[in-house]
Protein backbone atom coordinates (compact mmCIF):
# COMPACT_ATOMS: atom_id res chain seq x y z
CA UNK A 1 59.43 82.64 27.27
CA UNK A 2 59.40 83.81 23.59
CA UNK A 3 56.20 84.95 21.82
CA UNK A 4 56.30 81.82 19.61
CA UNK A 5 56.68 79.41 22.67
CA UNK A 6 53.59 81.11 24.38
CA UNK A 7 51.19 80.76 21.62
CA UNK A 8 48.67 77.89 22.30
CA UNK A 9 46.27 76.06 19.94
CA UNK A 10 42.71 76.93 20.75
CA UNK A 11 39.21 76.39 19.77
CA UNK A 12 36.39 78.58 20.56
CA UNK A 13 33.20 76.89 22.10
CA UNK A 14 30.84 79.87 22.68
CA UNK A 15 32.71 82.27 24.89
CA UNK A 16 34.88 79.60 26.24
CA UNK A 17 38.48 79.17 24.97
CA UNK A 18 39.84 75.73 25.56
CA UNK A 19 43.73 75.55 25.46
CA UNK A 20 45.58 72.59 24.10
CA UNK A 21 49.28 72.01 23.42
CA UNK A 22 51.87 74.74 23.35
CA UNK A 23 54.20 75.34 20.58
CA UNK A 24 56.96 74.60 23.13
CA UNK A 25 55.35 71.02 23.51
CA UNK A 26 55.81 70.38 19.68
CA UNK A 27 59.25 71.84 19.66
CA UNK A 28 60.42 69.51 22.28
CA UNK A 29 59.40 66.67 20.11
CA UNK A 30 61.29 68.02 17.03
CA UNK A 31 64.45 68.88 18.92
CA UNK A 32 64.38 72.45 17.97
CA UNK A 33 64.20 71.78 14.11
CA UNK A 34 60.61 72.48 13.43
CA UNK A 35 60.69 76.24 13.27
CA UNK A 36 63.72 76.10 10.86
CA UNK A 37 61.66 73.87 8.62
CA UNK A 38 58.69 76.25 8.62
CA UNK A 39 56.34 74.25 11.08
CA UNK A 40 54.07 71.24 10.55
CA UNK A 41 51.63 71.36 7.62
CA UNK A 42 48.13 69.87 8.13
CA UNK A 43 48.57 67.70 4.92
CA UNK A 44 51.65 66.21 6.38
CA UNK A 45 49.87 65.34 9.69
CA UNK A 46 46.86 63.82 7.66
CA UNK A 47 49.45 61.67 5.75
CA UNK A 48 51.00 60.47 9.05
CA UNK A 49 47.69 59.51 10.47
CA UNK A 50 46.59 57.73 7.32
CA UNK A 51 49.92 55.72 7.25
CA UNK A 52 49.45 54.58 10.86
CA UNK A 53 45.88 54.02 10.67
CA UNK A 54 46.04 52.09 7.46
CA UNK A 55 49.32 50.30 7.86
CA UNK A 56 50.85 51.14 4.59
CA UNK A 57 51.79 53.93 2.30
CA UNK A 58 49.68 52.55 -0.52
CA UNK A 59 46.69 52.21 1.55
CA UNK A 60 47.27 55.72 3.02
CA UNK A 61 47.48 57.17 -0.52
CA UNK A 62 44.05 55.82 -1.39
CA UNK A 63 42.72 57.25 1.88
CA UNK A 64 44.06 60.76 1.28
CA UNK A 65 43.48 60.57 -2.52
CA UNK A 66 47.08 61.13 -3.54
CA UNK A 67 49.66 58.94 -5.39
CA UNK A 68 52.05 56.76 -3.28
CA UNK A 69 54.82 58.90 -4.39
CA UNK A 70 53.14 62.06 -3.11
CA UNK A 71 52.51 60.42 0.25
CA UNK A 72 56.04 59.31 0.53
CA UNK A 73 57.20 62.92 -0.20
CA UNK A 74 54.92 64.38 2.52
CA UNK A 75 56.07 61.86 4.99
CA UNK A 76 59.81 62.63 4.26
CA UNK A 77 58.97 66.35 4.73
CA UNK A 78 57.43 65.61 8.06
CA UNK A 79 60.44 63.59 9.13
CA UNK A 80 62.59 66.45 8.10
CA UNK A 81 60.60 68.98 9.82
CA UNK A 82 60.51 67.00 13.28
CA UNK A 83 64.15 65.82 12.75
CA UNK A 84 63.05 62.15 13.52
CA UNK A 85 62.30 58.95 11.97
CA UNK A 86 58.40 58.45 12.37
CA UNK A 87 57.60 55.39 10.47
CA UNK A 88 59.23 51.99 9.86
CA UNK A 89 58.55 50.91 6.22
CA UNK A 90 58.45 47.05 6.29
CA UNK A 91 57.77 44.76 3.35
CA UNK A 92 54.19 44.22 4.07
CA UNK A 93 53.33 46.70 6.69
CA UNK A 94 54.40 49.99 7.91
CA UNK A 95 54.59 50.55 11.64
CA UNK A 96 55.28 53.88 13.82
CA UNK A 97 58.34 54.52 15.70
CA UNK A 98 58.21 55.71 19.22
CA UNK A 99 58.68 59.36 17.95
CA UNK A 100 55.88 58.54 15.37
CA UNK A 101 53.41 57.37 18.06
CA UNK A 102 54.17 60.40 20.21
CA UNK A 103 53.42 62.85 17.24
CA UNK A 104 50.41 60.76 16.20
CA UNK A 105 48.56 62.03 19.40
CA UNK A 106 49.34 65.60 18.63
CA UNK A 107 48.50 65.13 15.06
CA UNK A 108 44.95 63.81 15.78
CA UNK A 109 44.51 66.77 18.44
CA UNK A 110 45.67 69.32 15.87
CA UNK A 111 43.38 68.12 12.93
CA UNK A 112 40.51 67.91 15.29
CA UNK A 113 41.16 71.32 16.64
CA UNK A 114 41.46 72.82 13.02
CA UNK A 115 38.16 71.34 12.17
CA UNK A 116 36.44 72.72 15.32
CA UNK A 117 38.03 76.10 15.05
CA UNK A 118 37.15 76.43 11.48
CA UNK A 119 33.55 75.55 12.27
CA UNK A 120 33.37 77.83 15.27
CA UNK A 121 34.52 80.93 13.19
CA UNK A 122 31.77 80.41 10.79
CA UNK A 123 33.82 79.82 7.77
CA UNK A 124 33.73 76.17 8.51
CA UNK A 125 29.85 75.94 8.53
CA UNK A 126 29.38 72.96 6.26
CA UNK A 127 26.40 72.53 4.25
CA UNK A 128 25.46 70.21 1.62
CA UNK A 129 24.72 66.39 1.51
CA UNK A 130 26.63 63.16 2.23
CA UNK A 131 25.64 59.74 1.35
CA UNK A 132 26.97 57.27 4.14
CA UNK A 133 26.67 53.42 4.13
CA UNK A 134 26.79 51.12 6.98
CA UNK A 135 25.41 47.47 7.51
CA UNK A 136 22.64 46.95 9.77
CA UNK A 137 24.77 45.12 12.23
CA UNK A 138 26.83 48.33 13.05
CA UNK A 139 24.00 51.09 12.51
CA UNK A 140 22.61 51.24 15.93
CA UNK A 141 25.54 50.20 18.28
CA UNK A 142 28.23 52.04 16.37
CA UNK A 143 26.92 54.66 13.95
CA UNK A 144 24.68 56.26 16.41
CA UNK A 145 27.53 58.04 18.41
CA UNK A 146 29.07 58.94 15.16
CA UNK A 147 25.98 60.93 13.93
CA UNK A 148 25.57 62.45 17.40
CA UNK A 149 29.10 63.71 17.38
CA UNK A 150 28.78 64.84 13.68
CA UNK A 151 25.65 66.70 14.30
CA UNK A 152 27.15 68.77 17.21
CA UNK A 153 29.47 70.63 14.88
CA UNK A 154 27.91 70.20 11.36
CA UNK A 155 24.17 70.24 11.81
CA UNK A 156 23.57 71.96 8.51
CA UNK A 157 24.77 68.91 6.65
CA UNK A 158 21.97 66.52 5.32
CA UNK A 159 22.92 62.80 5.85
CA UNK A 160 21.54 60.10 3.74
CA UNK A 161 22.29 56.89 5.38
CA UNK A 162 22.02 53.52 3.46
CA UNK A 163 21.92 50.25 5.45
CA UNK A 164 23.19 47.45 3.29
CA UNK A 165 25.57 44.52 3.59
CA UNK A 166 29.27 45.31 3.37
CA UNK A 167 29.55 43.29 0.12
CA UNK A 168 26.88 45.64 -1.41
CA UNK A 169 28.22 48.99 0.05
CA UNK A 170 31.93 48.20 -1.20
CA UNK A 171 30.95 48.43 -4.96
CA UNK A 172 28.83 51.53 -4.22
CA UNK A 173 31.77 53.23 -2.63
CA UNK A 174 33.88 52.34 -5.67
CA UNK A 175 31.46 53.58 -8.16
CA UNK A 176 30.84 56.80 -6.07
CA UNK A 177 27.22 56.11 -5.23
CA UNK A 178 28.19 56.17 -1.56
CA UNK A 179 30.68 58.77 -0.25
CA UNK A 180 31.75 56.97 2.79
CA UNK A 181 31.15 53.58 4.43
CA UNK A 182 31.91 51.70 7.45
CA UNK A 183 32.11 48.07 6.31
CA UNK A 184 33.56 44.65 7.16
CA UNK A 185 37.03 44.51 5.44
CA UNK A 186 37.15 41.99 2.53
CA UNK A 187 40.90 42.18 1.83
CA UNK A 188 44.09 43.33 3.49
CA UNK A 189 45.20 46.96 3.58
CA UNK A 190 41.64 48.11 2.54
CA UNK A 191 40.38 51.15 4.25
CA UNK A 192 41.16 52.65 7.64
CA UNK A 193 40.87 50.09 10.49
CA UNK A 194 38.58 51.10 13.23
CA UNK A 195 38.36 48.03 15.44
CA UNK A 196 37.83 44.28 15.43
CA UNK A 197 34.38 42.91 15.71
CA UNK A 198 34.02 39.12 16.98
CA UNK A 199 31.98 36.83 14.82
CA UNK A 200 29.83 34.16 16.90
CA UNK A 201 27.80 31.15 16.26
CA UNK A 202 24.20 31.74 17.40
CA UNK A 203 21.33 29.44 18.00
CA UNK A 204 17.87 29.24 19.62
CA UNK A 205 18.01 27.40 23.03
CA UNK A 206 14.37 26.34 22.33
CA UNK A 207 15.37 24.23 19.23
CA UNK A 208 19.04 23.26 19.65
CA UNK A 209 19.59 22.88 15.78
CA UNK A 210 23.31 22.60 16.50
CA UNK A 211 22.65 18.95 17.66
CA UNK A 212 21.57 17.89 14.16
CA UNK A 213 23.73 16.09 11.53
CA UNK A 214 24.60 17.48 9.18
CA UNK A 215 24.55 20.78 10.92
CA UNK A 216 21.88 23.05 9.32
CA UNK A 217 23.59 26.58 8.61
CA UNK A 218 21.99 29.81 7.75
CA UNK A 219 24.24 32.08 5.55
CA UNK A 220 24.59 35.61 4.21
CA UNK A 221 25.35 36.14 0.59
CA UNK A 222 28.40 34.45 -0.67
CA UNK A 223 30.61 37.49 -0.89
CA UNK A 224 30.25 38.26 2.68
CA UNK A 225 33.14 37.83 5.43
CA UNK A 226 30.66 36.00 7.76
CA UNK A 227 29.63 33.48 4.92
CA UNK A 228 33.17 32.74 3.93
CA UNK A 229 34.28 32.44 7.51
CA UNK A 230 31.57 29.97 8.48
CA UNK A 231 32.36 27.87 5.46
CA UNK A 232 36.03 27.97 6.17
CA UNK A 233 35.83 27.10 9.76
CA UNK A 234 33.38 24.22 9.31
CA UNK A 235 35.45 22.62 6.32
CA UNK A 236 38.74 23.06 8.34
CA UNK A 237 37.25 21.15 11.29
CA UNK A 238 35.57 18.42 9.19
CA UNK A 239 31.96 19.34 10.39
CA UNK A 240 29.26 17.87 8.23
CA UNK A 241 26.92 20.69 7.40
CA UNK A 242 24.31 21.84 4.83
CA UNK A 243 23.06 25.33 3.80
CA UNK A 244 19.52 25.40 5.17
CA UNK A 245 18.83 29.11 4.46
CA UNK A 246 20.14 32.03 2.74
CA UNK A 247 19.39 35.66 3.48
CA UNK A 248 21.36 38.95 2.79
CA UNK A 249 19.59 40.59 5.77
CA UNK A 250 20.25 40.56 9.45
CA UNK A 251 16.52 40.32 10.17
CA UNK A 252 16.35 37.22 7.97
CA UNK A 253 19.30 35.35 9.69
CA UNK A 254 17.74 36.06 13.07
CA UNK A 255 14.35 34.63 11.71
CA UNK A 256 16.02 31.58 10.56
CA UNK A 257 17.65 30.82 13.87
CA UNK A 258 14.68 32.00 15.98
CA UNK A 259 12.47 29.54 14.05
CA UNK A 260 14.91 26.58 14.78
CA UNK A 261 15.72 26.04 10.97
CA UNK A 262 19.45 26.54 11.34
CA UNK A 263 22.40 28.01 13.26
CA UNK A 264 24.05 31.32 11.93
CA UNK A 265 27.18 33.38 12.27
CA UNK A 266 26.55 36.92 13.31
CA UNK A 267 28.54 39.73 14.60
CA UNK A 268 28.48 39.95 18.33
CA UNK A 269 27.14 43.48 18.38
CA UNK A 270 24.06 42.35 16.49
CA UNK A 271 23.09 39.44 18.61
CA UNK A 272 19.66 39.60 20.21
CA UNK A 273 19.20 38.84 23.73
CA UNK A 274 16.88 35.79 23.13
CA UNK A 275 19.42 33.87 21.12
CA UNK A 276 22.39 32.21 22.61
CA UNK A 277 26.20 32.23 21.55
CA UNK A 278 27.48 28.68 20.65
CA UNK A 279 31.01 27.45 20.71
CA UNK A 280 33.16 24.38 21.16
CA UNK A 281 31.05 23.10 23.98
CA UNK A 282 28.30 22.58 21.20
CA UNK A 283 30.74 21.24 18.75
CA UNK A 284 31.19 24.51 16.71
CA UNK A 285 34.60 25.83 15.78
CA UNK A 286 36.14 29.15 16.73
CA UNK A 287 35.67 31.94 14.28
CA UNK A 288 38.07 34.82 13.22
CA UNK A 289 37.20 38.38 14.22
CA UNK A 290 36.31 40.72 11.45
CA UNK A 291 38.26 44.00 10.78
CA UNK A 292 35.84 46.89 10.63
CA UNK A 293 37.00 49.66 8.34
CA UNK A 294 36.09 53.21 7.06
CA UNK A 295 36.21 53.62 3.28
CA UNK A 296 35.41 56.50 1.00
CA UNK A 297 35.01 57.01 -2.72
CA UNK A 298 37.65 58.48 -4.88
CA UNK A 299 35.06 61.12 -6.22
CA UNK A 300 34.87 62.43 -2.65
CA UNK A 301 38.44 63.70 -2.66
CA UNK A 302 38.66 67.19 -1.48
CA UNK A 303 34.96 67.28 -0.31
CA UNK A 304 34.93 68.93 3.09
CA UNK A 305 31.76 67.43 4.21
CA UNK A 306 33.20 63.98 3.62
CA UNK A 307 36.50 64.81 5.18
CA UNK A 308 34.55 65.93 8.46
CA UNK A 309 32.46 62.79 8.51
CA UNK A 310 35.44 60.50 7.89
CA UNK A 311 37.49 62.30 10.75
CA UNK A 312 34.34 61.85 13.09
CA UNK A 313 34.03 58.15 12.30
CA UNK A 314 37.81 57.63 12.92
CA UNK A 315 37.78 59.67 16.13
CA UNK A 316 34.56 57.92 17.50
CA UNK A 317 35.00 54.43 16.57
CA UNK A 318 38.84 53.74 16.58
CA UNK A 319 39.67 51.52 19.37
CA UNK A 320 43.34 50.73 18.68
């Protein structure tokens, strides 16, 4: 076996060297052309991951903070280096080929190993501050493991966490007040999709507000996905209703339901044990799931702290 084929990607954890994929593994994928092309560049792999995660070159360009033309060139370079078509470019959405899916697994491993190895060698000891935003719904169930994973390798970074509704966080990301946020997607091709979160009707079994006509509803602010989806579903199904209560906070929504004032639409992850899920049996319509995405500000381009947090969020929460 040649020296090139015997080299393994490794990361140091204390005195332990963890061996991952051999260069020979990658050469099998590329049909031998990778070495001729000079190997795989990390930027190319980041672009591949961004395209597959976001579903389009334009969305990937926003994620990696490059022009769409630059992203297209980097993808072309990667396809030339591997000798394979990696992404199908459709009119509305880009999708990975079989080879693209195979390389995606390697790409995630290589990028993660690069970050870990860089940190383990001391040169990657990140310091500084990052401003992160997440709605109350997602903070405890989903962001706790993110912070745990991030602190294991980047415990010198100061994290400022802001808990607000997605409709408030998105403009703050756009303006640069927030570096990175995990939010409910408000439009197609926005951010990196992490998972789908079910929306559910909730009520109090002690009051049975769902039996009233018109149906009393507690709603978030008008810009929220839950508000829009509740109104859409009720109107589509011709269910008479009235807005009995408005609150932009999760605690406010729960208080309205618990008091018997109204029913509400919440994310399933935020449902308290003492409230009940409602549905067609109670005369309430089905609701669409919400896409939960990671978004970052343009001002954070090239910031290694934000890069590291974004990678941790995707690796910890992505369920696709």
